[in-house]
């Protein structure tokens, strides 16, 4: 038997939960995947995350620097290609969490605006 699937008796013993969709209530069983999902949070525009895993080759500014929209932020090598990142808006850098030579995974916090 697959460890991820529950038997019919185990399903019968689980209480039904209320799911609200567009104002309508439904009684249902939640899957383990649904119950253990990562909850959605509104993205914070002041935090810049990596969209690819890779190695940081160049960082153009440090914490405390003021930057303009469209300026070079950094160069990240991913899959043997150099990806150039530009600042999405003007502001002051609160913290730079990467430096040249760092290997970053996807979703890594690279910098934060004030």
PDB file of N, CA and C in Angstrom:
ATOM      1  N   UNK A   1       0.835  -1.191   0.000  1.00  0.00           N
ATOM      2  CA  UNK A   1       0.000   0.000   0.000  1.00  0.00           C
ATOM      3  C   UNK A   1       0.875   1.248   0.000  1.00  0.00           C
ATOM      4  N   UNK A   2       0.499   2.240  -0.764  1.00  0.00           N
ATOM      5  CA  UNK A   2       1.230   3.504  -0.845  1.00  0.00           C
ATOM      6  C   UNK A   2       1.107   4.248   0.482  1.00  0.00           C
ATOM      7  N   UNK A   3       2.256   4.710   1.030  1.00  0.00           N
ATOM      8  CA  UNK A   3       2.264   5.408   2.318  1.00  0.00           C
ATOM      9  C   UNK A   3       1.540   6.741   2.267  1.00  0.00           C
ATOM     10  N   UNK A   4       1.438   7.354   1.082  1.00  0.00           N
ATOM     11  CA  UNK A   4       0.805   8.667   0.966  1.00  0.00           C
ATOM     12  C   UNK A   4      -0.714   8.589   0.900  1.00  0.00           C
ATOM     13  N   UNK A   5      -1.264   7.402   0.659  1.00  0.00           N
ATOM     14  CA  UNK A   5      -2.710   7.253   0.534  1.00  0.00           C
ATOM     15  C   UNK A   5      -3.271   6.638   1.803  1.00  0.00           C
ATOM     16  N   UNK A   6      -4.467   7.069   2.161  1.00  0.00           N
ATOM     17  CA  UNK A   6      -5.104   6.567   3.363  1.00  0.00           C
ATOM     18  C   UNK A   6      -6.145   5.523   2.980  1.00  0.00           C
ATOM     19  N   UNK A   7      -6.371   4.575   3.891  1.00  0.00           N
ATOM     20  CA  UNK A   7      -7.385   3.553   3.637  1.00  0.00           C
ATOM     21  C   UNK A   7      -8.764   4.155   3.823  1.00  0.00           C
ATOM     22  N   UNK A   8      -9.786   3.446   3.368  1.00  0.00           N
ATOM     23  CA  UNK A   8     -11.158   3.924   3.485  1.00  0.00           C
ATOM     24  C   UNK A   8     -11.581   4.148   4.917  1.00  0.00           C
ATOM     25  N   UNK A   9     -11.150   3.269   5.849  1.00  0.00           N
ATOM     26  CA  UNK A   9     -11.524   3.435   7.257  1.00  0.00           C
ATOM     27  C   UNK A   9     -10.908   4.693   7.857  1.00  0.00           C
ATOM     28  N   UNK A  10      -9.650   4.993   7.504  1.00  0.00           N
ATOM     29  CA  UNK A  10      -9.000   6.193   8.020  1.00  0.00           C
ATOM     30  C   UNK A  10      -9.701   7.449   7.509  1.00  0.00           C
ATOM     31  N   UNK A  11     -10.176   7.410   6.267  1.00  0.00           N
ATOM     32  CA  UNK A  11     -10.882   8.560   5.716  1.00  0.00           C
ATOM     33  C   UNK A  11     -12.221   8.766   6.417  1.00  0.00           C
ATOM     34  N   UNK A  12     -12.922   7.675   6.747  1.00  0.00           N
ATOM     35  CA  UNK A  12     -14.229   7.782   7.404  1.00  0.00           C
ATOM     36  C   UNK A  12     -14.104   8.386   8.795  1.00  0.00           C
ATOM     37  N   UNK A  13     -12.986   8.152   9.466  1.00  0.00           N
ATOM     38  CA  UNK A  13     -12.806   8.630  10.829  1.00  0.00           C
ATOM     39  C   UNK A  13     -12.345  10.090  10.910  1.00  0.00           C
ATOM     40  N   UNK A  14     -11.915  10.655   9.801  1.00  0.00           N
ATOM     41  CA  UNK A  14     -11.462  12.055   9.805  1.00  0.00           C
ATOM     42  C   UNK A  14     -12.659  12.982   9.754  1.00  0.00           C
ATOM     43  N   UNK A  15     -12.633  14.042  10.549  1.00  0.00           N
ATOM     44  CA  UNK A  15     -13.751  14.986  10.515  1.00  0.00           C
ATOM     45  C   UNK A  15     -13.741  15.828   9.236  1.00  0.00           C
ATOM     46  N   UNK A  16     -14.938  16.178   8.781  1.00  0.00           N
ATOM     47  CA  UNK A  16     -15.050  17.049   7.615  1.00  0.00           C
ATOM     48  C   UNK A  16     -14.689  18.470   8.027  1.00  0.00           C
ATOM     49  N   UNK A  17     -14.104  19.198   7.112  1.00  0.00           N
ATOM     50  CA  UNK A  17     -13.735  20.590   7.372  1.00  0.00           C
ATOM     51  C   UNK A  17     -14.517  21.474   6.417  1.00  0.00           C
ATOM     52  N   UNK A  18     -14.657  22.733   6.793  1.00  0.00           N
ATOM     53  CA  UNK A  18     -15.399  23.684   5.974  1.00  0.00           C
ATOM     54  C   UNK A  18     -14.434  24.433   5.073  1.00  0.00           C
ATOM     55  N   UNK A  19     -14.747  24.441   3.794  1.00  0.00           N
ATOM     56  CA  UNK A  19     -13.958  25.146   2.791  1.00  0.00           C
ATOM     57  C   UNK A  19     -14.841  26.232   2.204  1.00  0.00           C
ATOM     58  N   UNK A  20     -14.361  27.467   2.190  1.00  0.00           N
ATOM     59  CA  UNK A  20     -15.137  28.595   1.684  1.00  0.00           C
ATOM     60  C   UNK A  20     -14.597  28.991   0.320  1.00  0.00           C
ATOM     61  N   UNK A  21     -15.443  28.963  -0.705  1.00  0.00           N
ATOM     62  CA  UNK A  21     -15.062  29.356  -2.063  1.00  0.00           C
ATOM     63  C   UNK A  21     -16.111  30.328  -2.583  1.00  0.00           C
ATOM     64  N   UNK A  22     -15.693  31.566  -2.839  1.00  0.00           N
ATOM     65  CA  UNK A  22     -16.585  32.611  -3.358  1.00  0.00           C
ATOM     66  C   UNK A  22     -17.864  32.739  -2.535  1.00  0.00           C
ATOM     67  N   UNK A  23     -17.728  32.708  -1.217  1.00  0.00           N
ATOM     68  CA  UNK A  23     -18.874  32.891  -0.332  1.00  0.00           C
ATOM     69  C   UNK A  23     -19.708  31.647  -0.092  1.00  0.00           C
ATOM     70  N   UNK A  24     -19.411  30.557  -0.757  1.00  0.00           N
ATOM     71  CA  UNK A  24     -20.139  29.295  -0.578  1.00  0.00           C
ATOM     72  C   UNK A  24     -19.332  28.384   0.337  1.00  0.00           C
ATOM     73  N   UNK A  25     -20.014  27.724   1.265  1.00  0.00           N
ATOM     74  CA  UNK A  25     -19.355  26.801   2.180  1.00  0.00           C
ATOM     75  C   UNK A  25     -19.543  25.366   1.702  1.00  0.00           C
ATOM     76  N   UNK A  26     -18.456  24.600   1.771  1.00  0.00           N
ATOM     77  CA  UNK A  26     -18.488  23.198   1.389  1.00  0.00           C
ATOM     78  C   UNK A  26     -17.864  22.383   2.512  1.00  0.00           C
ATOM     79  N   UNK A  27     -18.434  21.227   2.815  1.00  0.00           N
ATOM     80  CA  UNK A  27     -17.863  20.286   3.777  1.00  0.00           C
ATOM     81  C   UNK A  27     -17.040  19.283   2.978  1.00  0.00           C
ATOM     82  N   UNK A  28     -15.783  19.105   3.381  1.00  0.00           N
ATOM     83  CA  UNK A  28     -14.894  18.233   2.617  1.00  0.00           C
ATOM     84  C   UNK A  28     -13.782  17.700   3.501  1.00  0.00           C
ATOM     85  N   UNK A  29     -13.042  16.755   2.978  1.00  0.00           N
ATOM     86  CA  UNK A  29     -11.823  16.262   3.616  1.00  0.00           C
ATOM     87  C   UNK A  29     -10.651  16.970   2.945  1.00  0.00           C
ATOM     88  N   UNK A  30      -9.732  17.469   3.736  1.00  0.00           N
ATOM     89  CA  UNK A  30      -8.527  18.077   3.187  1.00  0.00           C
ATOM     90  C   UNK A  30      -7.478  16.992   2.997  1.00  0.00           C
ATOM     91  N   UNK A  31      -6.740  17.079   1.878  1.00  0.00           N
ATOM     92  CA  UNK A  31      -5.610  16.174   1.691  1.00  0.00           C
ATOM     93  C   UNK A  31      -4.457  16.662   2.563  1.00  0.00           C
ATOM     94  N   UNK A  32      -3.523  15.762   2.854  1.00  0.00           N
ATOM     95  CA  UNK A  32      -2.338  16.158   3.637  1.00  0.00           C
ATOM     96  C   UNK A  32      -1.562  17.249   2.909  1.00  0.00           C
ATOM     97  N   UNK A  33      -1.485  17.142   1.598  1.00  0.00           N
ATOM     98  CA  UNK A  33      -0.768  18.147   0.809  1.00  0.00           C
ATOM     99  C   UNK A  33      -1.422  19.521   0.978  1.00  0.00           C
ATOM    100  N   UNK A  34      -2.760  19.561   0.973  1.00  0.00           N
ATOM    101  CA  UNK A  34      -3.474  20.827   1.130  1.00  0.00           C
ATOM    102  C   UNK A  34      -3.265  21.393   2.531  1.00  0.00           C
ATOM    103  N   UNK A  35      -3.352  20.545   3.551  1.00  0.00           N
ATOM    104  CA  UNK A  35      -3.206  21.019   4.926  1.00  0.00           C
ATOM    105  C   UNK A  35      -1.783  21.491   5.227  1.00  0.00           C
ATOM    106  N   UNK A  36      -0.781  20.906   4.573  1.00  0.00           N
ATOM    107  CA  UNK A  36       0.620  21.249   4.850  1.00  0.00           C
ATOM    108  C   UNK A  36       1.194  22.249   3.848  1.00  0.00           C
ATOM    109  N   UNK A  37       0.340  22.842   3.021  1.00  0.00           N
ATOM    110  CA  UNK A  37       0.818  23.775   1.998  1.00  0.00           C
ATOM    111  C   UNK A  37       1.372  25.041   2.643  1.00  0.00           C
ATOM    112  N   UNK A  38       2.232  25.704   1.916  1.00  0.00           N
ATOM    113  CA  UNK A  38       2.772  26.982   2.362  1.00  0.00           C
ATOM    114  C   UNK A  38       1.691  28.032   2.144  1.00  0.00           C
ATOM    115  N   UNK A  39       1.378  28.783   3.181  1.00  0.00           N
ATOM    116  CA  UNK A  39       0.335  29.789   3.052  1.00  0.00           C
ATOM    117  C   UNK A  39       0.840  30.977   2.249  1.00  0.00           C
ATOM    118  N   UNK A  40      -0.068  31.589   1.513  1.00  0.00           N
ATOM    119  CA  UNK A  40       0.280  32.720   0.671  1.00  0.00           C
ATOM    120  C   UNK A  40       0.429  33.972   1.520  1.00  0.00           C
ATOM    121  N   UNK A  41       1.431  34.744   1.223  1.00  0.00           N
ATOM    122  CA  UNK A  41       1.640  36.031   1.883  1.00  0.00           C
ATOM    123  C   UNK A  41       1.885  37.070   0.789  1.00  0.00           C
ATOM    124  N   UNK A  42       1.367  38.262   0.989  1.00  0.00           N
ATOM    125  CA  UNK A  42       1.553  39.321   0.004  1.00  0.00           C
ATOM    126  C   UNK A  42       3.045  39.618  -0.135  1.00  0.00           C
ATOM    127  N   UNK A  43       3.575  39.604  -1.363  1.00  0.00           N
ATOM    128  CA  UNK A  43       4.995  39.872  -1.563  1.00  0.00           C
ATOM    129  C   UNK A  43       5.383  41.274  -1.098  1.00  0.00           C
ATOM    130  N   UNK A  44       6.574  41.381  -0.530  1.00  0.00           N
ATOM    131  CA  UNK A  44       7.102  42.672  -0.088  1.00  0.00           C
ATOM    132  C   UNK A  44       8.006  43.203  -1.195  1.00  0.00           C
ATOM    133  N   UNK A  45       7.594  44.298  -1.820  1.00  0.00           N
ATOM    134  CA  UNK A  45       8.339  44.861  -2.956  1.00  0.00           C
ATOM    135  C   UNK A  45       9.731  45.339  -2.558  1.00  0.00           C
ATOM    136  N   UNK A  46       9.966  45.536  -1.257  1.00  0.00           N
ATOM    137  CA  UNK A  46      11.279  46.019  -0.817  1.00  0.00           C
ATOM    138  C   UNK A  46      12.308  44.895  -0.735  1.00  0.00           C
ATOM    139  N   UNK A  47      11.890  43.663  -0.924  1.00  0.00           N
ATOM    140  CA  UNK A  47      12.806  42.526  -0.861  1.00  0.00           C
ATOM    141  C   UNK A  47      12.943  41.913  -2.254  1.00  0.00           C
ATOM    142  N   UNK A  48      14.183  41.712  -2.680  1.00  0.00           N
ATOM    143  CA  UNK A  48      14.473  41.154  -3.996  1.00  0.00           C
ATOM    144  C   UNK A  48      15.040  39.745  -3.805  1.00  0.00           C
ATOM    145  N   UNK A  49      14.350  38.749  -4.390  1.00  0.00           N
ATOM    146  CA  UNK A  49      14.747  37.354  -4.282  1.00  0.00           C
ATOM    147  C   UNK A  49      15.293  36.852  -5.612  1.00  0.00           C
ATOM    148  N   UNK A  50      16.155  35.839  -5.550  1.00  0.00           N
ATOM    149  CA  UNK A  50      16.686  35.250  -6.779  1.00  0.00           C
ATOM    150  C   UNK A  50      15.584  34.429  -7.446  1.00  0.00           C
ATOM    151  N   UNK A  51      15.543  34.479  -8.763  1.00  0.00           N
ATOM    152  CA  UNK A  51      14.558  33.690  -9.490  1.00  0.00           C
ATOM    153  C   UNK A  51      15.185  32.431 -10.081  1.00  0.00           C
ATOM    154  N   UNK A  52      16.510  32.353 -10.024  1.00  0.00           N
ATOM    155  CA  UNK A  52      17.248  31.184 -10.505  1.00  0.00           C
ATOM    156  C   UNK A  52      18.342  30.833  -9.501  1.00  0.00           C
ATOM    157  N   UNK A  53      18.667  29.554  -9.351  1.00  0.00           N
ATOM    158  CA  UNK A  53      19.851  29.229  -8.557  1.00  0.00           C
ATOM    159  C   UNK A  53      21.098  29.531  -9.392  1.00  0.00           C
ATOM    160  N   UNK A  54      22.140  29.997  -8.744  1.00  0.00           N
ATOM    161  CA  UNK A  54      23.348  30.298  -9.500  1.00  0.00           C
ATOM    162  C   UNK A  54      24.440  30.898  -8.640  1.00  0.00           C
ATOM    163  N   UNK A  55      25.466  31.413  -9.301  1.00  0.00           N
ATOM    164  CA  UNK A  55      26.618  32.011  -8.634  1.00  0.00           C
ATOM    165  C   UNK A  55      26.666  33.506  -8.943  1.00  0.00           C
ATOM    166  N   UNK A  56      26.814  34.303  -7.904  1.00  0.00           N
ATOM    167  CA  UNK A  56      26.895  35.756  -8.068  1.00  0.00           C
ATOM    168  C   UNK A  56      28.284  36.088  -8.617  1.00  0.00           C
ATOM    169  N   UNK A  57      28.327  36.764  -9.766  1.00  0.00           N
ATOM    170  CA  UNK A  57      29.600  37.140 -10.377  1.00  0.00           C
ATOM    171  C   UNK A  57      29.978  38.580 -10.038  1.00  0.00           C
ATOM    172  N   UNK A  58      28.983  39.459  -9.994  1.00  0.00           N
ATOM    173  CA  UNK A  58      29.263  40.880  -9.778  1.00  0.00           C
ATOM    174  C   UNK A  58      28.108  41.508  -9.001  1.00  0.00           C
ATOM    175  N   UNK A  59      28.447  42.369  -8.047  1.00  0.00           N
ATOM    176  CA  UNK A  59      27.469  43.166  -7.304  1.00  0.00           C
ATOM    177  C   UNK A  59      27.893  44.614  -7.454  1.00  0.00           C
ATOM    178  N   UNK A  60      26.976  45.483  -7.893  1.00  0.00           N
ATOM    179  CA  UNK A  60      27.371  46.851  -8.209  1.00  0.00           C
ATOM    180  C   UNK A  60      27.220  47.840  -7.055  1.00  0.00           C
ATOM    181  N   UNK A  61      26.442  47.513  -6.008  1.00  0.00           N
ATOM    182  CA  UNK A  61      26.240  48.453  -4.900  1.00  0.00           C
ATOM    183  C   UNK A  61      26.299  47.722  -3.568  1.00  0.00           C
ATOM    184  N   UNK A  62      26.431  48.502  -2.500  1.00  0.00           N
ATOM    185  CA  UNK A  62      26.478  47.952  -1.144  1.00  0.00           C
ATOM    186  C   UNK A  62      25.369  48.562  -0.299  1.00  0.00           C
ATOM    187  N   UNK A  63      25.219  48.050   0.913  1.00  0.00           N
ATOM    188  CA  UNK A  63      24.226  48.583   1.848  1.00  0.00           C
ATOM    189  C   UNK A  63      24.487  50.072   2.075  1.00  0.00           C
ATOM    190  N   UNK A  64      23.414  50.854   2.102  1.00  0.00           N
ATOM    191  CA  UNK A  64      23.528  52.288   2.314  1.00  0.00           C
ATOM    192  C   UNK A  64      23.582  53.103   1.041  1.00  0.00           C
ATOM    193  N   UNK A  65      23.844  52.463  -0.098  1.00  0.00           N
ATOM    194  CA  UNK A  65      23.911  53.179  -1.374  1.00  0.00           C
ATOM    195  C   UNK A  65      22.507  53.520  -1.865  1.00  0.00           C
ATOM    196  N   UNK A  66      22.396  54.657  -2.541  1.00  0.00           N
ATOM    197  CA  UNK A  66      21.153  55.046  -3.195  1.00  0.00           C
ATOM    198  C   UNK A  66      21.265  54.640  -4.657  1.00  0.00           C
ATOM    199  N   UNK A  67      20.200  53.998  -5.165  1.00  0.00           N
ATOM    200  CA  UNK A  67      20.219  53.489  -6.538  1.00  0.00           C
ATOM    201  C   UNK A  67      19.039  54.050  -7.319  1.00  0.00           C
ATOM    202  N   UNK A  68      19.187  54.072  -8.625  1.00  0.00           N
ATOM    203  CA  UNK A  68      18.132  54.540  -9.528  1.00  0.00           C
ATOM    204  C   UNK A  68      17.558  53.352 -10.291  1.00  0.00           C
ATOM    205  N   UNK A  69      16.294  53.461 -10.637  1.00  0.00           N
ATOM    206  CA  UNK A  69      15.631  52.428 -11.426  1.00  0.00           C
ATOM    207  C   UNK A  69      16.398  52.204 -12.719  1.00  0.00           C
ATOM    208  N   UNK A  70      16.633  50.939 -13.064  1.00  0.00           N
ATOM    209  CA  UNK A  70      17.319  50.599 -14.304  1.00  0.00           C
ATOM    210  C   UNK A  70      18.826  50.469 -14.186  1.00  0.00           C
ATOM    211  N   UNK A  71      19.413  50.853 -13.047  1.00  0.00           N
ATOM    212  CA  UNK A  71      20.855  50.675 -12.847  1.00  0.00           C
ATOM    213  C   UNK A  71      21.169  49.183 -12.682  1.00  0.00           C
ATOM    214  N   UNK A  72      22.413  48.817 -13.004  1.00  0.00           N
ATOM    215  CA  UNK A  72      22.856  47.440 -12.838  1.00  0.00           C
ATOM    216  C   UNK A  72      22.870  47.061 -11.359  1.00  0.00           C
ATOM    217  N   UNK A  73      22.198  45.972 -11.039  1.00  0.00           N
ATOM    218  CA  UNK A  73      22.177  45.471  -9.663  1.00  0.00           C
ATOM    219  C   UNK A  73      23.280  44.432  -9.473  1.00  0.00           C
ATOM    220  N   UNK A  74      23.245  43.396 -10.322  1.00  0.00           N
ATOM    221  CA  UNK A  74      24.234  42.320 -10.209  1.00  0.00           C
ATOM    222  C   UNK A  74      24.199  41.449 -11.449  1.00  0.00           C
ATOM    223  N   UNK A  75      25.218  40.591 -11.546  1.00  0.00           N
ATOM    224  CA  UNK A  75      25.283  39.589 -12.595  1.00  0.00           C
ATOM    225  C   UNK A  75      25.315  38.239 -11.890  1.00  0.00           C
ATOM    226  N   UNK A  76      24.400  37.349 -12.302  1.00  0.00           N
ATOM    227  CA  UNK A  76      24.277  36.019 -11.708  1.00  0.00           C
ATOM    228  C   UNK A  76      24.467  34.985 -12.801  1.00  0.00           C
ATOM    229  N   UNK A  77      25.408  34.066 -12.596  1.00  0.00           N
ATOM    230  CA  UNK A  77      25.619  32.996 -13.568  1.00  0.00           C
ATOM    231  C   UNK A  77      24.736  31.819 -13.189  1.00  0.00           C
ATOM    232  N   UNK A  78      23.895  31.410 -14.129  1.00  0.00           N
ATOM    233  CA  UNK A  78      23.007  30.272 -13.914  1.00  0.00           C
ATOM    234  C   UNK A  78      22.951  29.461 -15.207  1.00  0.00           C
ATOM    235  N   UNK A  79      23.145  28.177 -15.098  1.00  0.00           N
ATOM    236  CA  UNK A  79      23.102  27.278 -16.254  1.00  0.00           C
ATOM    237  C   UNK A  79      24.049  27.734 -17.366  1.00  0.00           C
ATOM    238  N   UNK A  80      25.254  28.145 -16.991  1.00  0.00           N
ATOM    239  CA  UNK A  80      26.314  28.580 -17.900  1.00  0.00           C
ATOM    240  C   UNK A  80      25.961  29.847 -18.673  1.00  0.00           C
ATOM    241  N   UNK A  81      24.975  30.599 -18.167  1.00  0.00           N
ATOM    242  CA  UNK A  81      24.614  31.871 -18.796  1.00  0.00           C
ATOM    243  C   UNK A  81      24.714  32.973 -17.754  1.00  0.00           C
ATOM    244  N   UNK A  82      25.133  34.143 -18.193  1.00  0.00           N
ATOM    245  CA  UNK A  82      25.215  35.282 -17.286  1.00  0.00           C
ATOM    246  C   UNK A  82      23.912  36.074 -17.377  1.00  0.00           C
ATOM    247  N   UNK A  83      23.202  36.157 -16.234  1.00  0.00           N
ATOM    248  CA  UNK A  83      21.932  36.866 -16.154  1.00  0.00           C
ATOM    249  C   UNK A  83      22.163  38.201 -15.465  1.00  0.00           C
ATOM    250  N   UNK A  84      21.752  39.280 -16.124  1.00  0.00           N
ATOM    251  CA  UNK A  84      21.947  40.615 -15.595  1.00  0.00           C
ATOM    252  C   UNK A  84      20.666  41.068 -14.916  1.00  0.00           C
ATOM    253  N   UNK A  85      20.789  41.505 -13.662  1.00  0.00           N
ATOM    254  CA  UNK A  85      19.655  42.025 -12.891  1.00  0.00           C
ATOM    255  C   UNK A  85      19.792  43.538 -12.798  1.00  0.00           C
ATOM    256  N   UNK A  86      18.671  44.238 -12.960  1.00  0.00           N
ATOM    257  CA  UNK A  86      18.636  45.693 -12.842  1.00  0.00           C
ATOM    258  C   UNK A  86      17.682  46.067 -11.704  1.00  0.00           C
ATOM    259  N   UNK A  87      17.916  47.217 -11.098  1.00  0.00           N
ATOM    260  CA  UNK A  87      17.048  47.657 -10.009  1.00  0.00           C
ATOM    261  C   UNK A  87      15.654  47.966 -10.551  1.00  0.00           C
ATOM    262  N   UNK A  88      14.605  47.411  -9.920  1.00  0.00           N
ATOM    263  CA  UNK A  88      13.238  47.611 -10.415  1.00  0.00           C
ATOM    264  C   UNK A  88      12.677  48.990 -10.092  1.00  0.00           C
ATOM    265  N   UNK A  89      13.231  49.669  -9.085  1.00  0.00           N
ATOM    266  CA  UNK A  89      12.804  51.025  -8.744  1.00  0.00           C
ATOM    267  C   UNK A  89      13.901  51.716  -7.957  1.00  0.00           C
ATOM    268  N   UNK A  90      13.790  53.025  -7.851  1.00  0.00           N
ATOM    269  CA  UNK A  90      14.797  53.826  -7.144  1.00  0.00           C
ATOM    270  C   UNK A  90      14.611  53.698  -5.643  1.00  0.00           C
ATOM    271  N   UNK A  91      15.694  53.870  -4.899  1.00  0.00           N
ATOM    272  CA  UNK A  91      15.621  53.821  -3.448  1.00  0.00           C
ATOM    273  C   UNK A  91      16.989  53.647  -2.828  1.00  0.00           C
ATOM    274  N   UNK A  92      16.988  53.400  -1.523  1.00  0.00           N
ATOM    275  CA  UNK A  92      18.227  53.209  -0.774  1.00  0.00           C
ATOM    276  C   UNK A  92      18.294  51.746  -0.338  1.00  0.00           C
ATOM    277  N   UNK A  93      19.473  51.130  -0.488  1.00  0.00           N
ATOM    278  CA  UNK A  93      19.650  49.729  -0.123  1.00  0.00           C
ATOM    279  C   UNK A  93      19.833  49.620   1.384  1.00  0.00           C
ATOM    280  N   UNK A  94      18.960  48.870   2.017  1.00  0.00           N
ATOM    281  CA  UNK A  94      19.050  48.646   3.460  1.00  0.00           C
ATOM    282  C   UNK A  94      20.120  47.601   3.756  1.00  0.00           C
ATOM    283  N   UNK A  95      20.085  46.499   3.006  1.00  0.00           N
ATOM    284  CA  UNK A  95      21.049  45.411   3.231  1.00  0.00           C
ATOM    285  C   UNK A  95      21.255  44.644   1.937  1.00  0.00           C
ATOM    286  N   UNK A  96      22.510  44.303   1.651  1.00  0.00           N
ATOM    287  CA  UNK A  96      22.863  43.470   0.507  1.00  0.00           C
ATOM    288  C   UNK A  96      23.309  42.130   1.086  1.00  0.00           C
ATOM    289  N   UNK A  97      22.594  41.066   0.762  1.00  0.00           N
ATOM    290  CA  UNK A  97      22.847  39.763   1.371  1.00  0.00           C
ATOM    291  C   UNK A  97      23.752  38.855   0.546  1.00  0.00           C
ATOM    292  N   UNK A  98      24.219  39.325  -0.605  1.00  0.00           N
ATOM    293  CA  UNK A  98      25.105  38.518  -1.450  1.00  0.00           C
ATOM    294  C   UNK A  98      26.366  39.302  -1.774  1.00  0.00           C
ATOM    295  N   UNK A  99      27.390  38.551  -2.149  1.00  0.00           N
ATOM    296  CA  UNK A  99      28.649  39.145  -2.599  1.00  0.00           C
ATOM    297  C   UNK A  99      29.196  38.268  -3.721  1.00  0.00           C
ATOM    298  N   UNK A 100      30.106  38.778  -4.536  1.00  0.00           N
ATOM    299  CA  UNK A 100      30.644  37.970  -5.630  1.00  0.00           C
ATOM    300  C   UNK A 100      31.216  36.644  -5.117  1.00  0.00           C
ATOM    301  N   UNK A 101      30.882  35.579  -5.837  1.00  0.00           N
ATOM    302  CA  UNK A 101      31.338  34.241  -5.470  1.00  0.00           C
ATOM    303  C   UNK A 101      30.308  33.433  -4.687  1.00  0.00           C
ATOM    304  N   UNK A 102      29.279  34.093  -4.152  1.00  0.00           N
ATOM    305  CA  UNK A 102      28.236  33.375  -3.407  1.00  0.00           C
ATOM    306  C   UNK A 102      27.400  32.516  -4.345  1.00  0.00           C
ATOM    307  N   UNK A 103      27.066  31.324  -3.891  1.00  0.00           N
ATOM    308  CA  UNK A 103      26.131  30.453  -4.612  1.00  0.00           C
ATOM    309  C   UNK A 103      24.783  30.609  -3.925  1.00  0.00           C
ATOM    310  N   UNK A 104      23.759  30.962  -4.711  1.00  0.00           N
ATOM    311  CA  UNK A 104      22.438  31.213  -4.138  1.00  0.00           C
ATOM    312  C   UNK A 104      21.413  30.242  -4.717  1.00  0.00           C
ATOM    313  N   UNK A 105      20.494  29.752  -3.887  1.00  0.00           N
ATOM    314  CA  UNK A 105      19.410  28.914  -4.397  1.00  0.00           C
ATOM    315  C   UNK A 105      18.270  29.785  -4.923  1.00  0.00           C
ATOM    316  N   UNK A 106      17.331  29.180  -5.619  1.00  0.00           N
ATOM    317  CA  UNK A 106      16.143  29.897  -6.072  1.00  0.00           C
ATOM    318  C   UNK A 106      15.376  30.373  -4.844  1.00  0.00           C
ATOM    319  N   UNK A 107      14.895  31.603  -4.887  1.00  0.00           N
ATOM    320  CA  UNK A 107      14.112  32.145  -3.788  1.00  0.00           C
ATOM    321  C   UNK A 107      14.933  32.734  -2.654  1.00  0.00           C
ATOM    322  N   UNK A 108      16.230  32.894  -2.846  1.00  0.00           N
ATOM    323  CA  UNK A 108      17.111  33.440  -1.817  1.00  0.00           C
ATOM    324  C   UNK A 108      16.967  34.964  -1.761  1.00  0.00           C
ATOM    325  N   UNK A 109      16.879  35.530  -0.551  1.00  0.00           N
ATOM    326  CA  UNK A 109      16.791  36.988  -0.375  1.00  0.00           C
ATOM    327  C   UNK A 109      18.154  37.591  -0.698  1.00  0.00           C
ATOM    328  N   UNK A 110      18.225  38.357  -1.805  1.00  0.00           N
ATOM    329  CA  UNK A 110      19.497  38.927  -2.237  1.00  0.00           C
ATOM    330  C   UNK A 110      19.738  40.325  -1.696  1.00  0.00           C
ATOM    331  N   UNK A 111      18.679  41.147  -1.663  1.00  0.00           N
ATOM    332  CA  UNK A 111      18.844  42.499  -1.116  1.00  0.00           C
ATOM    333  C   UNK A 111      17.506  43.021  -0.625  1.00  0.00           C
ATOM    334  N   UNK A 112      17.614  44.065   0.172  1.00  0.00           N
ATOM    335  CA  UNK A 112      16.419  44.665   0.755  1.00  0.00           C
ATOM    336  C   UNK A 112      16.550  46.188   0.679  1.00  0.00           C
ATOM    337  N   UNK A 113      15.487  46.827   0.204  1.00  0.00           N
ATOM    338  CA  UNK A 113      15.415  48.293   0.178  1.00  0.00           C
ATOM    339  C   UNK A 113      14.975  48.796   1.553  1.00  0.00           C
ATOM    340  N   UNK A 114      15.288  50.080   1.844  1.00  0.00           N
ATOM    341  CA  UNK A 114      14.775  50.708   3.069  1.00  0.00           C
ATOM    342  C   UNK A 114      13.335  51.092   2.871  1.00  0.00           C
TER     343      UNK A 114
END
